[in-house]
Amino acid sequence: MQKITFEDLLGKIPNKYSLCVLAGKRAKKILGGEKQLVEVKKRETIVQTVFREIIEGKIGLKDEEY
């Protein structure tokens, strides 16, 4: 599994505060029962799954309402 860096995430969501809000909201939705948009890898945390969704372009700022 490729390691995701903060710089990689900032390449997709340039504002670090927006990135944190987006990741938090998405993680909460997954915990609430919403299906993940990427294949979940063994022993992967929800936050790692959210980060992979962002990197792969499955979610972004346009998908979330503030």
N, C-alpha and C. Protein backbone atom coordinates (compact mmCIF):
# COMPACT_ATOMS: atom_id res chain seq x y z
N MET A 1 0.84 -1.18 0.00
CA MET A 1 0.00 0.00 0.00
C MET A 1 0.88 1.24 0.00
N GLN A 2 0.58 2.16 -0.87
CA GLN A 2 1.33 3.41 -0.98
C GLN A 2 1.01 4.31 0.20
N LYS A 3 2.04 4.92 0.77
CA LYS A 3 1.84 5.83 1.88
C LYS A 3 1.34 7.18 1.36
N ILE A 4 0.30 7.69 1.99
CA ILE A 4 -0.28 8.97 1.60
C ILE A 4 0.32 10.06 2.47
N THR A 5 0.88 11.08 1.83
CA THR A 5 1.48 12.18 2.59
C THR A 5 0.51 13.37 2.64
N PHE A 6 0.77 14.26 3.59
CA PHE A 6 -0.03 15.47 3.72
C PHE A 6 0.08 16.32 2.46
N GLU A 7 1.25 16.33 1.85
CA GLU A 7 1.46 17.09 0.62
C GLU A 7 0.61 16.52 -0.52
N ASP A 8 0.47 15.19 -0.57
CA ASP A 8 -0.39 14.57 -1.58
C ASP A 8 -1.83 15.05 -1.42
N LEU A 9 -2.29 15.07 -0.18
CA LEU A 9 -3.66 15.51 0.10
C LEU A 9 -3.85 16.98 -0.24
N LEU A 10 -2.85 17.80 0.08
CA LEU A 10 -2.94 19.23 -0.23
C LEU A 10 -2.92 19.48 -1.73
N GLY A 11 -2.40 18.53 -2.49
CA GLY A 11 -2.45 18.64 -3.94
C GLY A 11 -3.88 18.54 -4.47
N LYS A 12 -4.73 17.82 -3.74
CA LYS A 12 -6.13 17.66 -4.12
C LYS A 12 -7.03 18.72 -3.48
N ILE A 13 -6.79 19.01 -2.20
CA ILE A 13 -7.56 20.01 -1.45
C ILE A 13 -6.55 21.01 -0.91
N PRO A 14 -6.36 22.16 -1.57
CA PRO A 14 -5.26 23.06 -1.23
C PRO A 14 -5.35 23.75 0.13
N ASN A 15 -6.50 23.79 0.75
CA ASN A 15 -6.64 24.44 2.04
C ASN A 15 -6.65 23.39 3.14
N LYS A 16 -5.69 23.45 4.06
CA LYS A 16 -5.57 22.41 5.09
C LYS A 16 -6.78 22.35 6.01
N TYR A 17 -7.42 23.48 6.24
CA TYR A 17 -8.61 23.50 7.10
C TYR A 17 -9.80 22.85 6.40
N SER A 18 -9.97 23.14 5.14
CA SER A 18 -11.03 22.50 4.36
C SER A 18 -10.80 21.00 4.27
N LEU A 19 -9.55 20.61 4.12
CA LEU A 19 -9.19 19.19 4.07
C LEU A 19 -9.61 18.48 5.35
N CYS A 20 -9.33 19.09 6.49
CA CYS A 20 -9.68 18.48 7.78
C CYS A 20 -11.19 18.38 7.95
N VAL A 21 -11.91 19.42 7.56
CA VAL A 21 -13.37 19.41 7.67
C VAL A 21 -13.95 18.33 6.75
N LEU A 22 -13.47 18.28 5.52
CA LEU A 22 -13.94 17.28 4.57
C LEU A 22 -13.69 15.87 5.08
N ALA A 23 -12.47 15.60 5.55
CA ALA A 23 -12.12 14.27 6.05
C ALA A 23 -12.98 13.90 7.26
N GLY A 24 -13.18 14.84 8.16
CA GLY A 24 -13.99 14.56 9.34
C GLY A 24 -15.44 14.25 9.01
N LYS A 25 -16.02 15.04 8.11
CA LYS A 25 -17.41 14.81 7.72
C LYS A 25 -17.56 13.47 7.01
N ARG A 26 -16.61 13.16 6.14
CA ARG A 26 -16.68 11.89 5.41
C ARG A 26 -16.52 10.70 6.36
N ALA A 27 -15.59 10.80 7.30
CA ALA A 27 -15.39 9.72 8.27
C ALA A 27 -16.66 9.51 9.09
N LYS A 28 -17.31 10.59 9.47
CA LYS A 28 -18.55 10.50 10.25
C LYS A 28 -19.64 9.79 9.44
N LYS A 29 -19.72 10.09 8.13
CA LYS A 29 -20.70 9.43 7.27
C LYS A 29 -20.43 7.93 7.17
N ILE A 30 -19.16 7.57 7.05
CA ILE A 30 -18.80 6.15 6.96
C ILE A 30 -19.15 5.45 8.27
N LEU A 31 -18.84 6.08 9.39
CA LEU A 31 -19.19 5.50 10.69
C LEU A 31 -20.70 5.36 10.85
N GLY A 32 -21.44 6.25 10.20
CA GLY A 32 -22.90 6.20 10.25
C GLY A 32 -23.52 5.16 9.33
N GLY A 33 -22.68 4.48 8.55
CA GLY A 33 -23.17 3.40 7.71
C GLY A 33 -23.08 3.61 6.22
N GLU A 34 -22.62 4.78 5.78
CA GLU A 34 -22.48 5.02 4.35
C GLU A 34 -21.35 4.17 3.78
N LYS A 35 -21.55 3.68 2.57
CA LYS A 35 -20.57 2.79 1.93
C LYS A 35 -19.31 3.56 1.52
N GLN A 36 -18.15 2.91 1.69
CA GLN A 36 -16.89 3.50 1.25
C GLN A 36 -16.84 3.49 -0.28
N LEU A 37 -16.17 4.48 -0.85
CA LEU A 37 -16.10 4.63 -2.30
C LEU A 37 -14.87 3.95 -2.90
N VAL A 38 -13.99 3.43 -2.05
CA VAL A 38 -12.82 2.68 -2.50
C VAL A 38 -12.81 1.35 -1.77
N GLU A 39 -12.06 0.40 -2.31
CA GLU A 39 -11.94 -0.90 -1.67
C GLU A 39 -11.18 -0.74 -0.35
N VAL A 40 -11.74 -1.29 0.72
CA VAL A 40 -11.12 -1.18 2.04
C VAL A 40 -10.04 -2.25 2.15
N LYS A 41 -8.85 -1.81 2.51
CA LYS A 41 -7.72 -2.73 2.66
C LYS A 41 -7.70 -3.27 4.08
N LYS A 42 -7.08 -4.42 4.22
CA LYS A 42 -6.99 -5.07 5.53
C LYS A 42 -6.27 -4.17 6.53
N ARG A 43 -6.83 -4.04 7.72
CA ARG A 43 -6.27 -3.26 8.83
C ARG A 43 -6.11 -1.78 8.50
N GLU A 44 -6.97 -1.27 7.66
CA GLU A 44 -6.94 0.15 7.30
C GLU A 44 -7.96 0.89 8.17
N THR A 45 -7.56 2.04 8.68
CA THR A 45 -8.48 2.83 9.50
C THR A 45 -9.45 3.59 8.60
N ILE A 46 -10.50 4.10 9.20
CA ILE A 46 -11.48 4.88 8.44
C ILE A 46 -10.84 6.14 7.86
N VAL A 47 -9.97 6.76 8.63
CA VAL A 47 -9.29 7.98 8.15
C VAL A 47 -8.41 7.65 6.94
N GLN A 48 -7.72 6.54 6.97
CA GLN A 48 -6.90 6.14 5.82
C GLN A 48 -7.78 5.91 4.59
N THR A 49 -8.93 5.30 4.81
CA THR A 49 -9.87 5.08 3.71
C THR A 49 -10.34 6.41 3.13
N VAL A 50 -10.67 7.36 4.00
CA VAL A 50 -11.10 8.69 3.54
C VAL A 50 -9.99 9.37 2.75
N PHE A 51 -8.76 9.28 3.24
CA PHE A 51 -7.63 9.89 2.53
C PHE A 51 -7.47 9.27 1.15
N ARG A 52 -7.65 7.96 1.04
CA ARG A 52 -7.54 7.32 -0.27
C ARG A 52 -8.68 7.77 -1.19
N GLU A 53 -9.87 7.97 -0.63
CA GLU A 53 -10.99 8.49 -1.43
C GLU A 53 -10.65 9.87 -1.99
N ILE A 54 -10.01 10.70 -1.18
CA ILE A 54 -9.61 12.04 -1.63
C ILE A 54 -8.55 11.94 -2.72
N ILE A 55 -7.51 11.15 -2.48
CA ILE A 55 -6.41 11.01 -3.44
C ILE A 55 -6.91 10.47 -4.78
N GLU A 56 -7.83 9.50 -4.72
CA GLU A 56 -8.34 8.90 -5.96
C GLU A 56 -9.43 9.75 -6.62
N GLY A 57 -9.76 10.89 -6.03
CA GLY A 57 -10.73 11.79 -6.63
C GLY A 57 -12.18 11.36 -6.46
N LYS A 58 -12.45 10.46 -5.55
CA LYS A 58 -13.82 9.99 -5.32
C LYS A 58 -14.65 11.02 -4.55
N ILE A 59 -14.00 11.83 -3.70
CA ILE A 59 -14.69 12.90 -3.00
C ILE A 59 -13.85 14.16 -3.10
N GLY A 60 -14.49 15.29 -2.93
CA GLY A 60 -13.80 16.58 -2.98
C GLY A 60 -14.68 17.64 -2.35
N LEU A 61 -14.23 18.86 -2.40
CA LEU A 61 -14.98 19.95 -1.78
C LEU A 61 -16.36 20.15 -2.40
N LYS A 62 -16.49 19.90 -3.69
CA LYS A 62 -17.78 20.09 -4.35
C LYS A 62 -18.82 19.09 -3.84
N ASP A 63 -18.37 17.99 -3.22
CA ASP A 63 -19.27 16.96 -2.72
C ASP A 63 -19.82 17.27 -1.33
N GLU A 64 -19.22 18.22 -0.64
CA GLU A 64 -19.61 18.52 0.73
C GLU A 64 -20.19 19.92 0.83
N GLU A 65 -21.22 20.06 1.62
CA GLU A 65 -21.81 21.36 1.92
C GLU A 65 -21.28 21.81 3.27
N TYR A 66 -20.92 23.08 3.38
CA TYR A 66 -20.43 23.59 4.66
C TYR A 66 -21.53 24.27 5.40
